[in-house]
Amino acid sequence: MSRAVSLRGEARKGVAETATRSTFPSMSVEAVYQYSADAPGAEFRELDDVRVLIDVTTMDGDTIAAGTEGTVVAVWKGGAAYEIEFPEPMGALATVKAGNVELTRQPT
């Protein structure tokens, strides 16, 4: 039984890898950014680097200090709030209202 489950997991992994490669074959982050859709009315878009202006709490309950930089990974309600990923702790995510973030860098 465990061997069959293992093989199915390996098969799924191969399908996901193939789908990813065929969807964006050797496309850089910058190229994906250029072709990403803007959210109408949003100040920022996905992949923008931003800085939080207040302390925020991640989905896991960790506190991210004001001034910490992260990357926008989702835009909510046309830019009313943003899902931001922070480097520490690894993969930390927080939803932050628009007025509590500022742009640090846009991919070129």
Protein backbone atom coordinates (compact mmCIF):
# COMPACT_ATOMS: atom_id res chain seq x y z
CA MET A 1 0.00 0.00 0.00
CA SER A 2 2.71 2.51 0.90
CA ARG A 3 4.55 1.83 -2.38
CA ALA A 4 1.41 2.61 -4.39
CA VAL A 5 0.86 5.85 -2.49
CA SER A 6 4.50 6.78 -3.03
CA LEU A 7 4.26 6.16 -6.77
CA ARG A 8 1.10 8.23 -7.05
CA GLY A 9 2.82 11.10 -5.23
CA GLU A 10 5.80 10.88 -7.60
CA ALA A 11 3.47 10.89 -10.61
CA ARG A 12 1.67 14.00 -9.34
CA LYS A 13 4.98 15.75 -8.78
CA GLY A 14 6.01 15.04 -12.37
CA VAL A 15 2.73 16.39 -13.72
CA ALA A 16 3.08 19.60 -11.68
CA GLU A 17 6.67 20.11 -12.84
CA THR A 18 5.67 19.57 -16.48
CA ALA A 19 2.73 21.97 -16.19
CA THR A 20 4.93 24.65 -14.64
CA ARG A 21 7.61 24.30 -17.30
CA SER A 22 5.10 24.41 -20.16
CA THR A 23 3.18 27.39 -18.70
CA PHE A 24 6.22 29.65 -18.21
CA PRO A 25 9.13 28.04 -20.07
CA SER A 26 12.36 29.78 -19.00
CA MET A 27 10.57 33.06 -18.27
CA SER A 28 12.30 35.40 -15.82
CA VAL A 29 10.56 36.99 -12.86
CA GLU A 30 10.88 40.33 -14.62
CA ALA A 31 9.09 39.02 -17.72
CA VAL A 32 6.28 37.50 -15.65
CA TYR A 33 5.92 40.86 -13.85
CA GLN A 34 5.61 42.75 -17.12
CA TYR A 35 2.81 40.48 -18.28
CA SER A 36 0.99 40.27 -14.93
CA ALA A 37 -2.38 41.97 -14.76
CA ASP A 38 -2.79 45.13 -12.75
CA ALA A 39 -5.64 45.27 -10.26
CA PRO A 40 -7.62 48.37 -11.22
CA GLY A 41 -7.14 51.04 -8.56
CA ALA A 42 -4.38 49.15 -6.74
CA GLU A 43 -1.29 51.10 -5.78
CA PHE A 44 0.90 47.99 -5.89
CA ARG A 45 0.84 44.74 -7.82
CA GLU A 46 2.16 41.24 -7.31
CA LEU A 47 5.96 40.97 -7.01
CA ASP A 48 6.41 44.59 -5.85
CA ASP A 49 8.79 44.91 -2.91
CA VAL A 50 7.21 46.86 -0.08
CA ARG A 51 7.93 47.96 3.50
CA VAL A 52 5.36 47.72 6.28
CA LEU A 53 4.81 50.94 8.21
CA ILE A 54 3.35 49.30 11.32
CA ASP A 55 3.94 46.06 13.23
CA VAL A 56 1.89 43.28 11.62
CA THR A 57 1.00 39.76 12.69
CA THR A 58 1.54 36.85 10.30
CA MET A 59 -0.94 34.06 9.69
CA ASP A 60 1.17 31.95 12.06
CA GLY A 61 1.01 34.55 14.85
CA ASP A 62 4.55 35.92 14.46
CA THR A 63 5.08 39.68 14.75
CA ILE A 64 6.76 41.48 11.86
CA ALA A 65 8.27 44.79 12.94
CA ALA A 66 7.48 48.09 11.23
CA GLY A 67 10.12 48.80 8.58
CA THR A 68 10.46 45.17 7.50
CA GLU A 69 10.51 44.60 3.75
CA GLY A 70 8.54 41.91 1.96
CA THR A 71 7.03 41.04 -1.42
CA VAL A 72 3.42 41.46 -2.50
CA VAL A 73 2.07 38.03 -3.44
CA ALA A 74 -1.63 38.91 -3.77
CA VAL A 75 -3.82 41.98 -4.18
CA TRP A 76 -7.16 41.95 -2.34
CA LYS A 77 -10.29 43.94 -3.26
CA GLY A 78 -8.66 46.09 -5.92
CA GLY A 79 -5.84 47.19 -3.64
CA ALA A 80 -7.65 47.65 -0.33
CA ALA A 81 -5.20 45.17 1.19
CA TYR A 82 -2.18 43.12 0.15
CA GLU A 83 -0.87 39.68 1.01
CA ILE A 84 2.82 40.18 1.76
CA GLU A 85 5.45 37.47 2.11
CA PHE A 86 8.39 38.18 4.41
CA PRO A 87 11.79 36.45 4.35
CA GLU A 88 11.89 35.84 8.13
CA PRO A 89 10.48 33.70 9.51
CA MET A 90 10.70 31.74 6.27
CA GLY A 91 7.53 32.02 4.21
CA ALA A 92 5.76 34.32 6.68
CA LEU A 93 2.55 35.79 5.22
CA ALA A 94 0.47 38.70 6.45
CA THR A 95 -2.48 40.61 5.04
CA VAL A 96 -1.83 44.35 5.36
CA LYS A 97 -4.16 47.26 4.62
CA ALA A 98 -3.05 49.52 1.77
CA GLY A 99 -2.26 52.54 3.95
CA ASN A 100 0.18 50.52 6.03
CA VAL A 101 2.69 49.69 3.28
CA GLU A 102 5.00 51.67 1.01
CA LEU A 103 6.78 50.72 -2.18
CA THR A 104 10.51 50.00 -2.00
CA ARG A 105 11.09 48.54 -5.47
CA GLN A 106 9.26 47.31 -8.56
CA PRO A 107 10.78 44.62 -10.77
CA THR A 108 12.08 46.16 -13.98
